[in-house]
Amino acid sequence: MAASGAELSLRYRDRVAVITGGTKGIGEAMVKEFVKSGARVVFCSKDTEAKALENEIKAAGPGDCIYVCCDVTKEEDIKKLIEITVMNYGQIDCLINNAGWHPPEQTIDGTSADDFRDLLNLNLIGYFLTAKYALPHLRKTQGNIINISSLVGIIGQKHAIPYVATKGAVTAMTKAMAVDESRHNVRINSISPGNIWTPLWEELSSHSKNSEAMIQGGIDAQLLGRMGTAEECAKAALYLAAEGTFCTGIDLLLTGGAELNYANKSQHRAHSSIYH
């Protein structure tokens, strides 16, 4: 007998996902998508209060969710996050490392070593530690990890050396983890979004001298002529968790074709009048 539409939609029913940075943007969309697919989700951020969001997602169902306040730069917070997940749901099937930050424009001359270290702790070491403490549980379920990286970790970005370095490291770490964890049948993959319209993109553009021009530039960078959505990122993550069972060590480029085609990129010509 063919499965009903409702059954087909519950693609992650009764499985347990941990999602960091889950209270806004891509992370929030992932929490909602996984709960909608029947999963039980523990999501976290540094917000001291996210009960309203937790209640909203719970009410929508059909899965379940719990919010935990967790600073992923603090190892003890990460240990507590994993402990709470297992205490409430008994297992972990998927970890999505999403918590991170893209600072406003930084030149190397204006960036201190401490600035760089702080970003490494958030964007890279936090991923490493969350994976480390989740893996003993993921090995039992033959689960998977999805690390949210960035296209700029591959192609570079102007005035973003620390950020690009952290994301390039995330992509490389994903591949190394995939090699080591294959013996346990744990899959490790990454997603590298291009320009996705999120509260972080909105915040970054607000720091620009010309916010509208920056947003239009972000739109024009994709062959598809638009930015991606947080919901599209969430659907890609659910695919890797639920159906991408022969995928490990891949970096899924969710970019609208931003990395393709030649373009005028010379920084040695005189700037056009738009910059003045």
Protein backbone atom coordinates (compact mmCIF):
# COMPACT_ATOMS: atom_id res chain seq x y z
CA MET A 1 0.00 0.00 0.00
CA ALA A 2 1.35 3.43 -0.91
CA ALA A 3 2.29 5.73 1.96
CA SER A 4 -0.03 8.64 2.62
CA GLY A 5 1.06 12.24 2.18
CA ALA A 6 1.10 12.68 5.96
CA GLU A 7 3.40 9.68 6.39
CA LEU A 8 5.72 10.90 3.65
CA SER A 9 6.00 14.29 5.35
CA LEU A 10 7.18 12.74 8.63
CA ARG A 11 10.63 12.08 7.23
CA TYR A 12 12.45 12.28 10.58
CA ARG A 13 9.76 10.95 12.87
CA ASP A 14 10.87 10.09 16.42
CA ARG A 15 14.51 10.81 15.68
CA VAL A 16 16.39 13.32 17.79
CA ALA A 17 18.28 16.35 16.48
CA VAL A 18 20.43 18.92 18.27
CA ILE A 19 20.59 22.30 16.51
CA THR A 20 22.87 25.09 17.74
CA GLY A 21 22.12 28.72 17.02
CA GLY A 22 18.49 27.74 16.67
CA THR A 23 16.56 30.87 17.65
CA LYS A 24 16.77 32.91 14.45
CA GLY A 25 17.65 32.81 10.78
CA ILE A 26 18.82 29.51 9.31
CA GLY A 27 18.87 27.78 12.70
CA GLU A 28 15.27 28.69 13.53
CA ALA A 29 14.13 27.51 10.09
CA MET A 30 15.90 24.18 10.67
CA VAL A 31 14.26 23.67 14.06
CA LYS A 32 10.83 24.29 12.51
CA GLU A 33 11.51 22.01 9.51
CA PHE A 34 12.74 19.11 11.63
CA VAL A 35 9.84 19.38 14.11
CA LYS A 36 7.43 19.56 11.15
CA SER A 37 9.00 16.31 9.94
CA GLY A 38 8.28 14.55 13.23
CA ALA A 39 11.66 14.97 14.93
CA ARG A 40 12.33 15.74 18.56
CA VAL A 41 14.67 18.72 18.59
CA VAL A 42 16.84 20.31 21.24
CA PHE A 43 17.87 23.75 20.07
CA CYS A 44 20.05 26.35 21.73
CA SER A 45 21.49 29.84 21.60
CA LYS A 46 22.87 32.36 24.06
CA ASP A 47 19.42 33.93 24.46
CA THR A 48 18.39 33.75 28.10
CA GLU A 49 14.74 33.32 27.14
CA ALA A 50 13.23 31.64 24.11
CA LYS A 51 10.17 30.06 25.70
CA ALA A 52 7.76 31.80 23.34
CA LEU A 53 9.55 30.39 20.31
CA GLU A 54 9.71 26.93 21.90
CA ASN A 55 5.96 27.02 22.61
CA GLU A 56 5.17 28.23 19.09
CA ILE A 57 7.13 25.40 17.45
CA LYS A 58 5.75 22.78 19.86
CA ALA A 59 2.20 23.87 19.10
CA ALA A 60 2.76 23.54 15.35
CA GLY A 61 4.03 19.95 15.82
CA PRO A 62 3.86 17.13 15.04
CA GLY A 63 7.31 16.63 16.57
CA ASP A 64 8.60 18.12 19.80
CA CYS A 65 11.28 20.55 20.90
CA ILE A 66 13.15 21.84 23.94
CA TYR A 67 15.10 25.08 24.18
CA VAL A 68 18.37 25.17 26.14
CA CYS A 69 20.42 28.29 26.84
CA CYS A 70 23.95 27.43 25.71
CA ASP A 71 27.04 29.46 24.85
CA VAL A 72 28.97 27.24 22.44
CA THR A 73 32.23 28.97 23.33
CA LYS A 74 31.92 27.37 26.79
CA GLU A 75 32.73 23.67 27.01
CA GLU A 76 30.63 23.11 30.13
CA ASP A 77 27.57 24.59 28.39
CA ILE A 78 28.07 22.19 25.48
CA LYS A 79 28.35 19.20 27.83
CA LYS A 80 25.11 20.29 29.49
CA LEU A 81 23.36 20.64 26.11
CA ILE A 82 24.19 17.05 25.16
CA GLU A 83 23.32 15.74 28.62
CA ILE A 84 19.90 17.44 28.57
CA THR A 85 19.19 16.01 25.11
CA VAL A 86 19.95 12.44 26.16
CA MET A 87 18.17 12.83 29.50
CA ASN A 88 14.97 13.99 27.77
CA TYR A 89 14.97 11.98 24.56
CA GLY A 90 17.35 9.06 25.21
CA GLN A 91 19.43 9.35 22.05
CA ILE A 92 20.89 11.65 19.38
CA ASP A 93 20.45 10.97 15.66
CA CYS A 94 21.60 14.27 14.17
CA LEU A 95 23.72 17.22 15.24
CA ILE A 96 23.54 20.44 13.26
CA ASN A 97 26.34 22.85 14.10
CA ASN A 98 24.97 26.23 13.07
CA ALA A 99 25.87 28.77 15.80
CA GLY A 100 28.26 31.37 14.48
CA TRP A 101 28.77 34.97 13.49
CA HIS A 102 29.99 37.02 10.55
CA PRO A 103 31.60 40.25 11.84
CA PRO A 104 31.24 43.52 9.94
CA GLU A 105 34.03 44.28 7.49
CA GLN A 106 37.51 43.66 8.92
CA THR A 107 40.89 44.47 7.40
CA ILE A 108 43.97 42.65 8.61
CA ASP A 109 45.40 45.93 9.90
CA GLY A 110 42.35 46.53 12.06
CA THR A 111 41.99 42.98 13.41
CA SER A 112 43.73 41.86 16.60
CA ALA A 113 44.83 38.34 17.42
CA ASP A 114 42.24 38.29 20.21
CA ASP A 115 39.50 39.20 17.71
CA PHE A 116 40.61 36.29 15.55
CA ARG A 117 40.78 33.87 18.51
CA ASP A 118 37.30 34.83 19.68
CA LEU A 119 35.83 34.11 16.24
CA LEU A 120 37.72 30.81 16.01
CA ASN A 121 36.26 29.78 19.37
CA LEU A 122 32.73 30.50 18.20
CA ASN A 123 32.78 29.43 14.55
CA LEU A 124 35.19 26.47 14.72
CA ILE A 125 36.08 25.24 18.21
CA GLY A 126 32.40 25.32 19.19
CA TYR A 127 31.63 22.97 16.27
CA PHE A 128 34.50 20.69 17.27
CA LEU A 129 33.42 20.44 20.91
CA THR A 130 29.73 19.91 20.18
CA ALA A 131 30.67 17.12 17.78
CA LYS A 132 33.08 15.62 20.31
CA TYR A 133 30.41 15.30 23.03
CA ALA A 134 27.62 14.24 20.66
CA LEU A 135 29.62 11.56 18.85
CA PRO A 136 29.45 8.84 21.54
CA HIS A 137 25.65 9.01 21.17
CA LEU A 138 25.67 9.36 17.38
CA ARG A 139 27.78 6.21 17.08
CA LYS A 140 25.06 4.24 18.88
CA THR A 141 22.38 5.40 16.43
CA GLN A 142 24.65 5.53 13.33
CA GLY A 143 23.55 9.13 13.05
CA ASN A 144 25.00 12.14 11.29
CA ILE A 145 26.48 15.62 11.75
CA ILE A 146 25.78 18.59 9.50
CA ASN A 147 28.19 21.52 9.84
CA ILE A 148 26.97 24.85 8.44
CA SER A 149 29.93 26.35 6.63
CA SER A 150 29.97 29.06 3.93
CA LEU A 151 30.74 29.46 0.24
CA VAL A 152 33.33 32.11 1.14
CA GLY A 153 35.38 29.42 2.87
CA ILE A 154 36.07 28.17 -0.68
CA ILE A 155 36.17 31.32 -2.80
CA GLY A 156 37.25 33.99 -0.28
CA GLN A 157 35.62 37.30 0.56
CA LYS A 158 36.78 40.89 0.75
CA HIS A 159 37.50 42.28 4.25
CA ALA A 160 36.65 39.01 6.02
CA ILE A 161 39.93 37.15 6.60
CA PRO A 162 39.05 35.74 10.06
CA TYR A 163 35.54 34.68 9.03
CA VAL A 164 36.73 33.07 5.80
CA ALA A 165 39.46 31.23 7.70
CA THR A 166 36.99 29.81 10.23
CA LYS A 167 34.61 28.60 7.52
CA GLY A 168 37.36 27.10 5.39
CA ALA A 169 38.45 25.20 8.50
CA VAL A 170 34.88 23.99 9.13
CA THR A 171 34.72 22.50 5.63
CA ALA A 172 38.12 20.82 6.01
CA MET A 173 37.28 19.54 9.51
CA THR A 174 34.05 18.03 8.15
CA LYS A 175 36.01 15.91 5.69
CA ALA A 176 38.49 14.77 8.33
CA MET A 177 35.66 13.83 10.72
CA ALA A 178 33.92 11.92 7.91
CA VAL A 179 37.04 9.80 7.41
CA ASP A 180 37.42 8.98 11.11
CA GLU A 181 33.74 8.35 11.84
CA SER A 182 33.03 6.18 8.79
CA ARG A 183 34.13 3.14 10.80
CA HIS A 184 31.15 3.82 13.09
CA ASN A 185 28.77 4.46 10.14
CA VAL A 186 28.34 8.06 11.29
CA ARG A 187 28.00 10.43 8.35
CA ILE A 188 29.53 13.94 8.53
CA ASN A 189 28.60 16.53 5.91
CA SER A 190 28.61 20.30 5.53
CA ILE A 191 26.41 22.84 3.82
CA SER A 192 28.01 25.98 2.38
CA PRO A 193 25.35 28.61 1.77
CA GLY A 194 25.90 31.60 -0.45
CA ASN A 195 23.91 34.75 0.19
CA ILE A 196 20.91 33.78 2.30
CA TRP A 197 18.56 36.50 3.51
CA THR A 198 18.67 36.26 7.32
CA PRO A 199 18.69 38.65 10.29
CA LEU A 200 22.51 38.48 10.18
CA TRP A 201 22.57 39.64 6.54
CA GLU A 202 20.18 42.44 7.49
CA GLU A 203 22.43 43.42 10.41
CA LEU A 204 25.58 43.42 8.26
CA SER A 205 23.95 45.53 5.56
CA SER A 206 22.85 48.05 8.18
CA HIS A 207 26.53 48.75 8.93
CA SER A 208 27.23 49.55 5.27
CA LYS A 209 27.52 53.10 3.97
CA ASN A 210 24.95 52.19 1.33
CA SER A 211 22.68 49.46 2.66
CA GLU A 212 20.52 49.25 -0.48
CA ALA A 213 23.54 48.88 -2.75
CA MET A 214 25.00 46.17 -0.52
CA ILE A 215 21.75 44.19 -0.55
CA GLN A 216 21.43 44.55 -4.32
CA GLY A 217 25.02 43.38 -4.69
CA GLY A 218 24.16 40.34 -2.60
CA ILE A 219 21.19 39.61 -4.86
CA ASP A 220 23.20 40.09 -8.05
CA ALA A 221 25.92 37.64 -6.95
CA GLN A 222 23.71 34.61 -7.72
CA LEU A 223 22.96 33.27 -11.19
CA LEU A 224 19.36 32.78 -10.05
CA GLY A 225 19.04 36.53 -9.40
CA ARG A 226 17.98 36.35 -5.77
CA MET A 227 19.23 35.44 -2.33
CA GLY A 228 18.38 32.08 -0.87
CA THR A 229 16.00 31.60 2.03
CA ALA A 230 16.52 30.12 5.47
CA GLU A 231 13.78 27.61 4.63
CA GLU A 232 15.78 26.35 1.63
CA CYS A 233 18.76 25.77 3.93
CA ALA A 234 16.50 23.86 6.33
CA LYS A 235 15.20 21.60 3.56
CA ALA A 236 18.77 20.86 2.43
CA ALA A 237 19.73 19.88 5.99
CA LEU A 238 16.70 17.62 6.33
CA TYR A 239 17.63 15.91 3.05
CA LEU A 240 21.16 15.18 4.29
CA ALA A 241 19.82 13.88 7.61
CA ALA A 242 16.92 11.80 6.30
CA GLU A 243 17.61 10.75 2.71
CA GLY A 244 21.27 11.46 1.98
CA THR A 245 22.30 8.13 3.44
CA PHE A 246 25.17 7.60 0.95
CA CYS A 247 26.56 11.10 1.50
CA THR A 248 29.50 11.58 3.81
CA GLY A 249 32.29 14.13 3.63
CA ILE A 250 30.43 16.22 1.07
CA ASP A 251 30.10 20.00 1.09
CA LEU A 252 26.70 20.90 -0.34
CA LEU A 253 26.92 24.26 -2.11
CA LEU A 254 23.61 26.03 -1.55
CA THR A 255 24.51 29.10 -3.55
CA GLY A 256 22.21 29.80 -6.50
CA GLY A 257 25.29 29.44 -8.71
CA ALA A 258 27.27 32.24 -7.06
CA GLU A 259 30.58 30.42 -7.61
CA LEU A 260 30.07 30.01 -11.37
CA ASN A 261 31.03 32.12 -14.42
CA TYR A 262 33.73 34.67 -15.01
CA ALA A 263 33.13 38.20 -13.78
CA ASN A 264 34.99 41.48 -13.50
CA LYS A 265 36.77 41.18 -10.17
CA SER A 266 39.86 43.32 -10.58
CA GLN A 267 40.67 45.47 -7.55
CA HIS A 268 43.42 47.33 -9.46
CA ARG A 269 41.21 49.44 -11.69
CA ALA A 270 39.90 52.82 -10.62
CA HIS A 271 36.75 52.50 -8.54
CA SER A 272 33.53 53.40 -10.35
CA SER A 273 31.50 56.35 -9.15
CA ILE A 274 29.08 54.12 -7.24
CA TYR A 275 31.65 53.89 -4.44
CA HIS A 276 32.03 57.65 -4.00
